[in-house]
Amino acid sequence: MLWSSYESGSYVQTIARSITGKLEGPWEQLPPLVKGDSGHGMLFRTFEGTWMLILHQPFKMPESRCKLYEMEDTGDSFKVVREREDLHGP
């Protein structure tokens, strides 16, 4: 489950994973994917099949912007490959 949480005074984009693979869990909290006051992310695949994470950063308006990260499916989680600054919103 991709979700936003709070750590050290700012929002983070993170993953919680069901240990049993069932909705009722139990769930384990994984380390944050992206820090720096970011959140409300969604994963998607490009037409070429690349996993991407889109989120907003920083959390406060009006500075909040779309940020994109190339992701890797590790089999039981995801990890950031690289920030795609070439695709960020204005």
N, C-alpha and C. Protein backbone atom coordinates (compact mmCIF):
# COMPACT_ATOMS: atom_id res chain seq x y z
N MET A 1 0.85 -1.15 0.00
CA MET A 1 0.00 0.00 0.00
C MET A 1 0.90 1.23 0.00
N LEU A 2 0.72 2.08 -0.98
CA LEU A 2 1.44 3.33 -1.07
C LEU A 2 0.69 4.36 -0.25
N TRP A 3 1.38 5.08 0.63
CA TRP A 3 0.70 6.08 1.44
C TRP A 3 1.64 7.15 1.93
N SER A 4 1.07 8.25 2.38
CA SER A 4 1.83 9.36 2.93
C SER A 4 1.82 9.26 4.44
N SER A 5 2.97 9.55 5.05
CA SER A 5 3.09 9.55 6.49
C SER A 5 3.88 10.79 6.90
N TYR A 6 4.20 10.88 8.16
CA TYR A 6 4.87 12.06 8.70
C TYR A 6 6.12 11.60 9.43
N GLU A 7 7.27 12.24 9.14
CA GLU A 7 8.53 11.87 9.78
C GLU A 7 9.39 13.11 9.95
N SER A 8 9.89 13.30 11.14
CA SER A 8 10.81 14.40 11.44
C SER A 8 10.32 15.76 10.95
N GLY A 9 9.03 16.03 11.12
CA GLY A 9 8.48 17.34 10.82
C GLY A 9 8.03 17.57 9.40
N SER A 10 8.06 16.54 8.53
CA SER A 10 7.56 16.72 7.17
C SER A 10 6.97 15.41 6.65
N TYR A 11 6.21 15.52 5.58
CA TYR A 11 5.57 14.36 5.00
C TYR A 11 6.56 13.52 4.19
N VAL A 12 6.31 12.23 4.14
CA VAL A 12 7.11 11.30 3.34
C VAL A 12 6.16 10.39 2.56
N GLN A 13 6.62 9.93 1.41
CA GLN A 13 5.89 8.94 0.63
C GLN A 13 6.48 7.59 0.98
N THR A 14 5.65 6.66 1.40
CA THR A 14 6.16 5.39 1.90
C THR A 14 5.28 4.22 1.48
N ILE A 15 5.68 3.03 1.87
CA ILE A 15 4.95 1.80 1.55
C ILE A 15 4.71 1.03 2.84
N ALA A 16 3.51 0.49 2.97
CA ALA A 16 3.21 -0.50 4.00
C ALA A 16 2.88 -1.78 3.24
N ARG A 17 3.37 -2.91 3.72
CA ARG A 17 3.20 -4.19 3.03
C ARG A 17 2.54 -5.20 3.96
N SER A 18 1.52 -5.88 3.44
CA SER A 18 0.86 -6.94 4.20
C SER A 18 1.78 -8.15 4.25
N ILE A 19 2.11 -8.58 5.43
CA ILE A 19 3.00 -9.73 5.61
C ILE A 19 2.36 -11.01 5.06
N THR A 20 1.03 -11.11 5.19
CA THR A 20 0.31 -12.30 4.74
C THR A 20 -0.18 -12.17 3.30
N GLY A 21 -0.12 -10.97 2.73
CA GLY A 21 -0.67 -10.74 1.41
C GLY A 21 -2.17 -10.51 1.43
N LYS A 22 -2.74 -10.46 2.62
CA LYS A 22 -4.19 -10.24 2.78
C LYS A 22 -4.44 -8.83 3.29
N LEU A 23 -5.62 -8.30 2.94
CA LEU A 23 -5.98 -6.95 3.33
C LEU A 23 -5.97 -6.75 4.84
N GLU A 24 -6.36 -7.76 5.58
CA GLU A 24 -6.40 -7.61 7.03
C GLU A 24 -5.02 -7.69 7.69
N GLY A 25 -3.97 -7.90 6.88
CA GLY A 25 -2.60 -7.86 7.40
C GLY A 25 -2.17 -9.12 8.12
N PRO A 26 -1.26 -8.99 9.05
CA PRO A 26 -0.67 -7.77 9.60
C PRO A 26 0.21 -7.04 8.59
N TRP A 27 0.39 -5.74 8.84
CA TRP A 27 1.13 -4.86 7.95
C TRP A 27 2.47 -4.47 8.55
N GLU A 28 3.48 -4.33 7.69
CA GLU A 28 4.77 -3.81 8.13
C GLU A 28 5.05 -2.51 7.38
N GLN A 29 5.61 -1.56 8.10
CA GLN A 29 5.97 -0.27 7.53
C GLN A 29 7.36 -0.36 6.94
N LEU A 30 7.51 -0.03 5.66
CA LEU A 30 8.82 -0.03 5.01
C LEU A 30 9.43 1.38 5.06
N PRO A 31 10.73 1.50 4.84
CA PRO A 31 11.35 2.82 4.85
C PRO A 31 10.74 3.74 3.78
N PRO A 32 10.76 5.04 4.01
CA PRO A 32 10.20 5.98 3.03
C PRO A 32 10.85 5.84 1.66
N LEU A 33 10.03 6.01 0.62
CA LEU A 33 10.54 6.05 -0.75
C LEU A 33 11.10 7.42 -1.07
N VAL A 34 10.34 8.47 -0.71
CA VAL A 34 10.73 9.85 -0.98
C VAL A 34 10.44 10.68 0.27
N LYS A 35 11.42 11.44 0.69
CA LYS A 35 11.25 12.35 1.82
C LYS A 35 11.08 13.76 1.29
N GLY A 36 11.37 14.76 2.10
CA GLY A 36 11.35 16.14 1.62
C GLY A 36 9.97 16.72 1.45
N ASP A 37 9.06 16.40 2.39
CA ASP A 37 7.72 16.98 2.38
C ASP A 37 6.96 16.61 1.12
N SER A 38 6.85 15.32 0.88
CA SER A 38 6.19 14.81 -0.33
C SER A 38 5.07 13.85 0.05
N GLY A 39 4.12 13.67 -0.87
CA GLY A 39 3.07 12.73 -0.57
C GLY A 39 2.00 12.61 -1.62
N HIS A 40 0.97 11.84 -1.27
CA HIS A 40 -0.18 11.54 -2.12
C HIS A 40 0.25 11.02 -3.48
N GLY A 41 1.11 10.01 -3.46
CA GLY A 41 1.66 9.46 -4.69
C GLY A 41 0.82 8.36 -5.31
N MET A 42 1.10 8.11 -6.57
CA MET A 42 0.49 7.00 -7.30
C MET A 42 1.55 6.38 -8.19
N LEU A 43 1.52 5.06 -8.31
CA LEU A 43 2.40 4.33 -9.21
C LEU A 43 1.68 4.07 -10.52
N PHE A 44 2.41 4.15 -11.63
CA PHE A 44 1.84 3.81 -12.93
C PHE A 44 2.96 3.33 -13.84
N ARG A 45 2.57 2.70 -14.93
CA ARG A 45 3.55 2.28 -15.94
C ARG A 45 3.43 3.17 -17.16
N THR A 46 4.58 3.51 -17.74
CA THR A 46 4.58 4.28 -18.98
C THR A 46 4.17 3.34 -20.11
N PHE A 47 3.92 3.90 -21.28
CA PHE A 47 3.58 3.07 -22.45
C PHE A 47 4.72 2.12 -22.79
N GLU A 48 5.94 2.47 -22.39
CA GLU A 48 7.11 1.61 -22.63
C GLU A 48 7.29 0.55 -21.55
N GLY A 49 6.46 0.60 -20.48
CA GLY A 49 6.51 -0.40 -19.42
C GLY A 49 7.32 -0.02 -18.20
N THR A 50 7.84 1.21 -18.15
CA THR A 50 8.63 1.66 -17.01
C THR A 50 7.71 2.06 -15.86
N TRP A 51 8.01 1.58 -14.65
CA TRP A 51 7.26 1.99 -13.47
C TRP A 51 7.66 3.41 -13.08
N MET A 52 6.66 4.25 -12.77
CA MET A 52 6.89 5.63 -12.35
C MET A 52 6.05 5.91 -11.10
N LEU A 53 6.58 6.80 -10.27
CA LEU A 53 5.86 7.31 -9.11
C LEU A 53 5.64 8.80 -9.35
N ILE A 54 4.39 9.24 -9.24
CA ILE A 54 4.08 10.66 -9.32
C ILE A 54 3.55 11.10 -7.96
N LEU A 55 4.00 12.26 -7.51
CA LEU A 55 3.56 12.79 -6.22
C LEU A 55 3.70 14.30 -6.23
N HIS A 56 3.26 14.94 -5.15
CA HIS A 56 3.47 16.38 -5.06
C HIS A 56 4.51 16.67 -3.99
N GLN A 57 5.29 17.73 -4.24
CA GLN A 57 6.36 18.10 -3.34
C GLN A 57 6.72 19.55 -3.59
N PRO A 58 6.87 20.42 -2.64
CA PRO A 58 6.57 20.19 -1.24
C PRO A 58 5.07 20.12 -0.99
N PHE A 59 4.71 19.80 0.22
CA PHE A 59 3.31 19.58 0.56
C PHE A 59 2.50 20.88 0.60
N LYS A 60 3.14 21.99 0.94
CA LYS A 60 2.40 23.25 1.13
C LYS A 60 2.17 23.97 -0.19
N MET A 61 1.02 24.64 -0.26
CA MET A 61 0.66 25.44 -1.42
C MET A 61 1.18 26.85 -1.22
N PRO A 62 1.47 27.63 -2.20
CA PRO A 62 1.33 27.36 -3.62
C PRO A 62 2.58 26.75 -4.25
N GLU A 63 3.59 26.37 -3.43
CA GLU A 63 4.84 25.84 -3.95
C GLU A 63 4.76 24.40 -4.43
N SER A 64 3.67 23.70 -4.10
CA SER A 64 3.53 22.29 -4.43
C SER A 64 3.58 22.06 -5.94
N ARG A 65 4.39 21.09 -6.36
CA ARG A 65 4.56 20.77 -7.77
C ARG A 65 4.54 19.26 -7.98
N CYS A 66 4.21 18.88 -9.18
CA CYS A 66 4.26 17.48 -9.59
C CYS A 66 5.72 17.05 -9.68
N LYS A 67 6.03 15.90 -9.08
CA LYS A 67 7.38 15.33 -9.17
C LYS A 67 7.24 13.89 -9.65
N LEU A 68 8.17 13.46 -10.49
CA LEU A 68 8.15 12.11 -11.03
C LEU A 68 9.45 11.39 -10.71
N TYR A 69 9.31 10.10 -10.40
CA TYR A 69 10.45 9.26 -10.06
C TYR A 69 10.34 7.95 -10.83
N GLU A 70 11.42 7.55 -11.47
CA GLU A 70 11.48 6.24 -12.11
C GLU A 70 11.67 5.21 -11.01
N MET A 71 10.89 4.13 -11.07
CA MET A 71 10.87 3.14 -10.00
C MET A 71 11.29 1.76 -10.51
N GLU A 72 11.68 0.91 -9.57
CA GLU A 72 11.99 -0.49 -9.86
C GLU A 72 11.12 -1.38 -9.00
N ASP A 73 10.47 -2.35 -9.62
CA ASP A 73 9.70 -3.37 -8.90
C ASP A 73 10.70 -4.41 -8.43
N THR A 74 10.87 -4.51 -7.10
CA THR A 74 11.85 -5.45 -6.54
C THR A 74 11.26 -6.83 -6.28
N GLY A 75 10.00 -7.02 -6.62
CA GLY A 75 9.34 -8.30 -6.39
C GLY A 75 8.43 -8.28 -5.18
N ASP A 76 8.89 -7.65 -4.09
CA ASP A 76 8.06 -7.54 -2.89
C ASP A 76 7.91 -6.10 -2.43
N SER A 77 8.43 -5.17 -3.23
CA SER A 77 8.33 -3.74 -2.92
C SER A 77 8.74 -2.95 -4.16
N PHE A 78 8.95 -1.65 -3.98
CA PHE A 78 9.46 -0.78 -5.03
C PHE A 78 10.60 0.04 -4.46
N LYS A 79 11.51 0.46 -5.33
CA LYS A 79 12.56 1.39 -4.92
C LYS A 79 12.75 2.43 -6.00
N VAL A 80 13.19 3.61 -5.58
CA VAL A 80 13.44 4.71 -6.50
C VAL A 80 14.71 4.42 -7.28
N VAL A 81 14.62 4.51 -8.60
CA VAL A 81 15.79 4.37 -9.47
C VAL A 81 16.44 5.74 -9.63
N ARG A 82 15.61 6.74 -9.99
CA ARG A 82 16.13 8.09 -10.13
C ARG A 82 14.98 9.09 -10.18
N GLU A 83 15.27 10.28 -9.75
CA GLU A 83 14.31 11.38 -9.87
C GLU A 83 14.32 11.84 -11.33
N ARG A 84 13.13 12.05 -11.89
CA ARG A 84 13.04 12.47 -13.29
C ARG A 84 12.79 13.97 -13.36
N GLU A 85 13.82 14.75 -13.07
CA GLU A 85 13.71 16.20 -13.07
C GLU A 85 13.29 16.73 -14.43
N ASP A 86 13.61 16.00 -15.49
CA ASP A 86 13.23 16.42 -16.85
C ASP A 86 11.73 16.37 -17.07
N LEU A 87 10.99 15.71 -16.19
CA LEU A 87 9.55 15.57 -16.32
C LEU A 87 8.75 16.33 -15.27
N HIS A 88 9.42 17.00 -14.33
CA HIS A 88 8.74 17.71 -13.25
C HIS A 88 7.88 18.85 -13.79
N GLY A 89 6.83 19.14 -13.04
CA GLY A 89 5.97 20.27 -13.38
C GLY A 89 6.70 21.59 -13.21
N PRO A 90 6.14 22.64 -13.79
CA PRO A 90 6.79 23.97 -13.72
C PRO A 90 6.86 24.52 -12.32
